[in-house]
């Protein structure tokens, strides 16, 4: 069994996830259970189950929310039509959309007014992609890979803007963006890239971690885009990599002949899960845990009006 765990820095919760979870917890404290949440507040099984136990009810259709209820939008954001329906039904609404996703929505709305069509780089069916594309009734084209770029049919090529899902692989997104620029040289890119600071920092940490270890463990749920990308980054660097939802999924045979294990966690995975993995690996024979040097994250996002403690 391995002798050491090397912990990636940074790892785990980002500011957007912290804020989204706090919004649900504050709403439960202030208004009492049940609080309704459209879609999983963040893509992590442990977090969702913990909030369910406290009185949150997760729904996909607003038809499942009773009149007069409190409703929270998940961190991934929602299409305009969902927002409009929620207000039309008279719910008390709090928006837990990550402010970095909201920034993309605002940019799309602004450039749409100026006559732009959009190419969005992202994963079909992901709620963030559905939310961003749902800001408009049309004129936004999804590309998932370089091959998709060749298939895009625009009404015009003078005013084209590019946006991306915030939780993509930085390297993959840059390749697709290069293909978009090659096909549409006039394309307008975001002033700052849409991939969020936390996604970038965690991927950079895995790039530093991987050459120093024999195997990488990523703590994250299967539905978590940014967690899946961390596993892919390690594998592309030639390291065996496994993504687990909890310590129970660790398999002793993974660690045969392994001297050093790299450990990280996606932006929606709480530290309690990382500590449980460390405990399990200690039981399997790990002798030491060492933290890498990494970027210190100080970002904090404010809560919506109506949920601050003094209100």
Protein backbone atom coordinates (compact mmCIF):
# COMPACT_ATOMS: atom_id res chain seq x y z
CA UNK A 1 0.00 0.00 0.00
CA UNK A 2 1.06 3.59 -0.56
CA UNK A 3 3.00 5.44 2.09
CA UNK A 4 1.76 8.97 1.44
CA UNK A 5 -1.23 11.05 0.31
CA UNK A 6 -0.49 14.28 -1.55
CA UNK A 7 -3.45 16.68 -1.22
CA UNK A 8 -4.16 19.04 -4.11
CA UNK A 9 -4.48 22.74 -3.33
CA UNK A 10 -7.02 24.13 -3.92
CA UNK A 11 -9.70 21.45 -3.86
CA UNK A 12 -13.35 21.13 -2.81
CA UNK A 13 -15.95 23.85 -2.36
CA UNK A 14 -15.76 27.05 -4.40
CA UNK A 15 -17.42 30.37 -3.54
CA UNK A 16 -20.43 29.70 -5.79
CA UNK A 17 -21.13 26.34 -4.13
CA UNK A 18 -20.64 27.79 -0.63
CA UNK A 19 -23.15 30.53 -1.46
CA UNK A 20 -25.73 28.18 -3.00
CA UNK A 21 -25.74 25.83 0.00
CA UNK A 22 -25.90 28.75 2.42
CA UNK A 23 -28.92 30.17 0.54
CA UNK A 24 -30.84 26.91 1.08
CA UNK A 25 -29.80 26.66 4.74
CA UNK A 26 -30.69 30.31 5.46
CA UNK A 27 -34.07 29.92 3.73
CA UNK A 28 -34.81 26.85 5.88
CA UNK A 29 -33.88 28.79 9.03
CA UNK A 30 -35.89 31.86 8.07
CA UNK A 31 -39.02 30.36 6.48
CA UNK A 32 -39.01 26.78 7.80
CA UNK A 33 -39.33 23.52 5.91
CA UNK A 34 -40.14 22.67 3.24
CA UNK A 35 -38.06 24.80 0.89
CA UNK A 36 -38.28 23.81 -2.78
CA UNK A 37 -35.16 23.74 -4.94
CA UNK A 38 -35.27 23.45 -8.73
CA UNK A 39 -32.73 20.79 -9.68
CA UNK A 40 -29.94 19.61 -7.35
CA UNK A 41 -28.59 22.78 -5.71
CA UNK A 42 -25.07 21.55 -6.60
CA UNK A 43 -24.07 18.24 -8.16
CA UNK A 44 -23.08 16.31 -5.05
CA UNK A 45 -25.01 13.39 -3.56
CA UNK A 46 -23.87 14.03 0.05
CA UNK A 47 -24.82 17.73 -0.07
CA UNK A 48 -28.24 17.03 -1.61
CA UNK A 49 -29.05 14.28 0.91
CA UNK A 50 -27.94 16.50 3.81
CA UNK A 51 -30.24 19.32 2.66
CA UNK A 52 -33.11 16.87 2.09
CA UNK A 53 -32.73 15.76 5.71
CA UNK A 54 -33.03 19.42 6.78
CA UNK A 55 -36.26 19.94 4.82
CA UNK A 56 -35.29 20.83 1.24
CA UNK A 57 -37.36 19.25 -1.54
CA UNK A 58 -35.65 18.98 -4.94
CA UNK A 59 -37.90 19.22 -7.98
CA UNK A 60 -37.48 19.50 -11.76
CA UNK A 61 -40.94 20.85 -12.65
CA UNK A 62 -42.44 23.98 -11.10
CA UNK A 63 -45.77 22.15 -11.25
CA UNK A 64 -44.53 20.19 -8.22
CA UNK A 65 -44.24 23.36 -6.10
CA UNK A 66 -47.35 24.34 -4.09
CA UNK A 67 -48.78 27.87 -4.22
CA UNK A 68 -47.12 30.33 -1.85
CA UNK A 69 -43.98 28.21 -1.42
CA UNK A 70 -40.36 29.37 -1.28
CA UNK A 71 -38.39 28.30 -4.36
CA UNK A 72 -34.63 28.38 -4.94
CA UNK A 73 -32.91 28.13 -8.32
CA UNK A 74 -29.82 25.90 -8.31
CA UNK A 75 -26.25 27.15 -8.72
CA UNK A 76 -26.33 26.16 -12.42
CA UNK A 77 -28.89 28.80 -13.39
CA UNK A 78 -32.25 28.46 -15.15
CA UNK A 79 -33.73 29.39 -18.55
CA UNK A 80 -35.66 32.68 -18.73
CA UNK A 81 -38.92 30.76 -19.18
CA UNK A 82 -38.48 29.04 -15.79
CA UNK A 83 -37.76 32.37 -14.11
CA UNK A 84 -40.87 33.91 -15.68
CA UNK A 85 -43.07 30.94 -14.73
CA UNK A 86 -41.86 31.05 -11.10
CA UNK A 87 -42.77 34.72 -10.78
CA UNK A 88 -46.10 34.22 -12.58
CA UNK A 89 -46.99 31.49 -10.07
CA UNK A 90 -46.22 33.87 -7.20
CA UNK A 91 -43.51 31.87 -5.45
CA UNK A 92 -41.05 33.54 -3.08
CA UNK A 93 -37.93 33.08 -5.22
CA UNK A 94 -34.25 33.14 -4.29
CA UNK A 95 -31.70 32.73 -7.04
CA UNK A 96 -28.64 30.64 -6.08
CA UNK A 97 -27.18 30.83 -9.61
CA UNK A 98 -23.41 31.21 -9.32
CA UNK A 99 -22.55 34.86 -10.02
CA UNK A 100 -20.00 33.69 -12.61
CA UNK A 101 -22.80 31.93 -14.51
CA UNK A 102 -25.01 35.01 -14.14
CA UNK A 103 -22.17 37.04 -15.72
CA UNK A 104 -22.46 34.83 -18.83
CA UNK A 105 -26.26 35.30 -18.87
CA UNK A 106 -25.89 39.09 -18.67
CA UNK A 107 -23.34 39.10 -21.51
CA UNK A 108 -25.66 36.98 -23.69
CA UNK A 109 -28.62 39.29 -23.05
CA UNK A 110 -26.55 42.43 -23.76
CA UNK A 111 -25.00 41.18 -27.01
CA UNK A 112 -28.32 39.74 -28.19
CA UNK A 113 -29.73 43.28 -28.02
CA UNK A 114 -26.87 44.32 -30.31
CA UNK A 115 -27.83 41.68 -32.88
CA UNK A 116 -25.31 38.95 -32.08
CA UNK A 117 -25.71 35.23 -32.64
CA UNK A 118 -23.90 32.91 -30.22
CA UNK A 119 -21.79 29.79 -30.24
CA UNK A 120 -21.78 28.09 -26.85
CA UNK A 121 -19.10 25.56 -25.92
CA UNK A 122 -20.55 23.08 -23.43
CA UNK A 123 -22.11 19.69 -22.70
CA UNK A 124 -25.59 19.03 -24.06
CA UNK A 125 -28.16 18.40 -21.32
CA UNK A 126 -26.10 19.98 -18.53
CA UNK A 127 -28.36 22.33 -16.53
CA UNK A 128 -25.91 25.23 -16.83
CA UNK A 129 -25.94 24.91 -20.62
CA UNK A 130 -29.74 24.68 -20.65
CA UNK A 131 -29.91 27.77 -18.45
CA UNK A 132 -27.57 29.83 -20.61
CA UNK A 133 -29.11 28.75 -23.92
CA UNK A 134 -32.53 29.35 -22.39
CA UNK A 135 -31.74 33.05 -21.93
CA UNK A 136 -32.75 33.44 -25.59
CA UNK A 137 -35.51 31.95 -27.73
CA UNK A 138 -33.03 31.22 -30.52
CA UNK A 139 -29.76 32.26 -32.13
CA UNK A 140 -27.51 30.30 -29.78
CA UNK A 141 -25.72 27.21 -31.12
CA UNK A 142 -24.16 24.52 -28.92
CA UNK A 143 -20.84 22.90 -29.84
CA UNK A 144 -19.47 20.02 -27.76
CA UNK A 145 -16.28 19.32 -29.71
CA UNK A 146 -14.18 20.52 -32.64
CA UNK A 147 -16.23 18.45 -35.12
CA UNK A 148 -19.43 20.26 -34.09
CA UNK A 149 -17.94 23.62 -35.10
CA UNK A 150 -18.00 22.66 -38.78
CA UNK A 151 -21.76 21.93 -38.57
CA UNK A 152 -22.83 25.33 -37.19
CA UNK A 153 -25.15 27.25 -39.51
CA UNK A 154 -25.46 30.95 -38.68
CA UNK A 155 -27.82 33.49 -40.24
CA UNK A 156 -24.87 35.91 -40.56
CA UNK A 157 -21.16 35.96 -39.67
CA UNK A 158 -20.59 39.65 -38.92
CA UNK A 159 -21.88 39.55 -35.35
CA UNK A 160 -20.93 36.28 -33.67
CA UNK A 161 -20.05 35.88 -29.99
CA UNK A 162 -18.66 32.87 -28.13
CA UNK A 163 -19.55 31.78 -24.58
CA UNK A 164 -18.63 28.67 -22.61
CA UNK A 165 -19.94 26.52 -19.80
CA UNK A 166 -18.00 27.55 -16.67
CA UNK A 167 -16.95 24.01 -15.64
CA UNK A 168 -15.24 22.71 -18.79
CA UNK A 169 -11.74 21.37 -19.25
CA UNK A 170 -9.62 24.46 -19.86
CA UNK A 171 -7.52 22.62 -22.48
CA UNK A 172 -10.49 21.11 -24.35
CA UNK A 173 -12.36 24.43 -24.38
CA UNK A 174 -9.34 26.26 -25.80
CA UNK A 175 -9.08 23.74 -28.67
CA UNK A 176 -12.77 24.16 -29.52
CA UNK A 177 -12.48 27.95 -29.21
CA UNK A 178 -9.55 27.87 -31.65
CA UNK A 179 -11.71 25.95 -34.14
CA UNK A 180 -14.51 28.51 -33.73
CA UNK A 181 -12.05 31.39 -34.36
CA UNK A 182 -10.65 29.62 -37.42
CA UNK A 183 -14.14 29.23 -38.92
CA UNK A 184 -15.54 32.58 -37.75
CA UNK A 185 -12.61 35.03 -37.60
CA UNK A 186 -14.94 37.88 -36.56
CA UNK A 187 -16.09 36.02 -33.43
CA UNK A 188 -16.24 38.06 -30.27
CA UNK A 189 -14.74 36.33 -27.22
CA UNK A 190 -15.56 37.07 -23.57
CA UNK A 191 -13.44 39.86 -22.02
CA UNK A 192 -12.37 37.28 -19.45
CA UNK A 193 -12.77 33.59 -20.21
CA UNK A 194 -16.03 32.11 -18.95
CA UNK A 195 -14.40 29.04 -17.34
CA UNK A 196 -14.50 29.94 -13.67
CA UNK A 197 -11.48 30.61 -11.47
CA UNK A 198 -12.22 27.57 -9.27
CA UNK A 199 -12.47 25.16 -12.22
CA UNK A 200 -9.18 26.51 -13.60
CA UNK A 201 -7.40 26.43 -10.22
CA UNK A 202 -8.46 22.82 -9.49
CA UNK A 203 -7.37 21.66 -12.95
CA UNK A 204 -4.03 23.47 -12.59
CA UNK A 205 -3.53 21.81 -9.18
CA UNK A 206 -4.14 18.34 -10.69
CA UNK A 207 -1.63 19.15 -13.44
CA UNK A 208 0.96 19.90 -10.73
CA UNK A 209 -0.09 16.93 -8.61
CA UNK A 210 -0.18 14.18 -11.24
CA UNK A 211 3.56 13.94 -12.07
CA UNK A 212 4.33 13.58 -8.35
CA UNK A 213 2.02 10.61 -7.63
CA UNK A 214 1.27 7.07 -8.84
CA UNK A 215 -2.52 7.38 -8.82
CA UNK A 216 -5.14 10.15 -8.48
CA UNK A 217 -8.42 9.97 -6.54
CA UNK A 218 -11.05 12.63 -7.29
CA UNK A 219 -13.87 13.04 -4.77
CA UNK A 220 -17.00 14.05 -6.68
CA UNK A 221 -20.40 12.85 -7.89
CA UNK A 222 -20.92 11.37 -11.38
CA UNK A 223 -23.15 14.32 -12.37
CA UNK A 224 -20.48 16.90 -11.45
CA UNK A 225 -18.95 18.33 -14.63
CA UNK A 226 -15.93 19.90 -12.94
CA UNK A 227 -15.17 16.68 -11.00
CA UNK A 228 -15.26 14.62 -14.20
CA UNK A 229 -12.85 17.08 -15.80
CA UNK A 230 -10.35 16.63 -12.91
CA UNK A 231 -10.29 12.88 -13.50
CA UNK A 232 -9.77 13.46 -17.24
CA UNK A 233 -6.87 15.87 -16.61
CA UNK A 234 -5.04 13.25 -14.53
CA UNK A 235 -5.68 10.51 -17.10
CA UNK A 236 -4.42 12.69 -19.95
CA UNK A 237 -1.20 13.06 -17.95
CA UNK A 238 -0.88 9.28 -17.90
CA UNK A 239 -1.96 8.61 -14.33
CA UNK A 240 -4.60 6.06 -13.27
CA UNK A 241 -7.47 8.16 -11.93
CA UNK A 242 -10.70 7.24 -10.16
CA UNK A 243 -13.68 9.43 -9.25
CA UNK A 244 -15.61 8.40 -6.14
CA UNK A 245 -18.75 9.72 -4.46
CA UNK A 246 -17.63 8.49 -1.04
CA UNK A 247 -14.86 6.57 0.75
CA UNK A 248 -16.99 3.40 0.52
CA UNK A 249 -16.21 3.21 -3.20
CA UNK A 250 -12.44 2.90 -2.69
CA UNK A 251 -11.09 -0.51 -3.74
CA UNK A 252 -7.98 -1.90 -2.08
CA UNK A 253 -6.66 -3.40 -5.33
CA UNK A 254 -6.31 0.08 -6.86
CA UNK A 255 -3.45 0.75 -4.46
CA UNK A 256 -1.37 -2.39 -4.95
CA UNK A 257 2.22 -1.31 -5.59
CA UNK A 258 1.27 2.37 -5.21
CA UNK A 259 3.59 4.50 -3.09
CA UNK A 260 1.95 7.92 -3.34
CA UNK A 261 -1.74 8.78 -3.87
CA UNK A 262 -2.86 12.17 -5.17
CA UNK A 263 -6.17 13.32 -3.68
CA UNK A 264 -8.42 16.15 -4.85
CA UNK A 265 -12.12 17.06 -4.81
CA UNK A 266 -14.47 18.77 -7.23
CA UNK A 267 -15.88 22.23 -6.47
CA UNK A 268 -19.16 20.75 -5.18
CA UNK A 269 -17.59 18.09 -2.90
CA UNK A 270 -17.45 18.90 0.84
CA UNK A 271 -14.27 18.46 2.87
CA UNK A 272 -15.97 15.89 5.15
CA UNK A 273 -15.83 13.45 2.20
CA UNK A 274 -12.12 14.13 1.64
CA UNK A 275 -11.42 13.47 5.33
CA UNK A 276 -13.34 10.19 5.14
CA UNK A 277 -11.18 9.13 2.17
CA UNK A 278 -8.03 10.00 4.14
CA UNK A 279 -9.28 7.91 7.09
CA UNK A 280 -10.01 4.95 4.80
CA UNK A 281 -6.58 5.19 3.16
CA UNK A 282 -4.92 5.33 6.57
CA UNK A 283 -6.74 2.09 7.40
CA UNK A 284 -5.26 0.66 4.20
CA UNK A 285 -1.75 1.61 5.30
CA UNK A 286 -1.09 5.26 4.42
CA UNK A 287 1.45 6.72 6.84
CA UNK A 288 1.52 10.42 5.96
CA UNK A 289 -0.61 13.19 4.45
CA UNK A 290 1.07 16.18 2.82
CA UNK A 291 -0.51 19.30 1.28
CA UNK A 292 0.77 20.74 -1.97
CA UNK A 293 1.43 24.45 -2.25
CA UNK A 294 -1.29 26.05 -4.33
CA UNK A 295 -3.37 29.13 -5.06
CA UNK A 296 -5.17 30.54 -2.00
CA UNK A 297 -8.78 31.35 -2.92
CA UNK A 298 -10.35 34.36 -1.20
CA UNK A 299 -13.43 34.90 -3.41
CA UNK A 300 -16.70 35.34 -1.52
CA UNK A 301 -20.08 36.09 -3.10
CA UNK A 302 -22.84 38.02 -1.26
CA UNK A 303 -26.17 36.42 -0.42
CA UNK A 304 -29.41 37.62 -2.07
CA UNK A 305 -31.50 40.27 -0.33
CA UNK A 306 -33.91 38.77 2.17
CA UNK A 307 -31.51 36.11 3.48
CA UNK A 308 -28.86 38.15 5.25
CA UNK A 309 -28.92 37.68 9.01
CA UNK A 310 -29.66 41.31 9.86
CA UNK A 311 -32.66 41.44 7.48
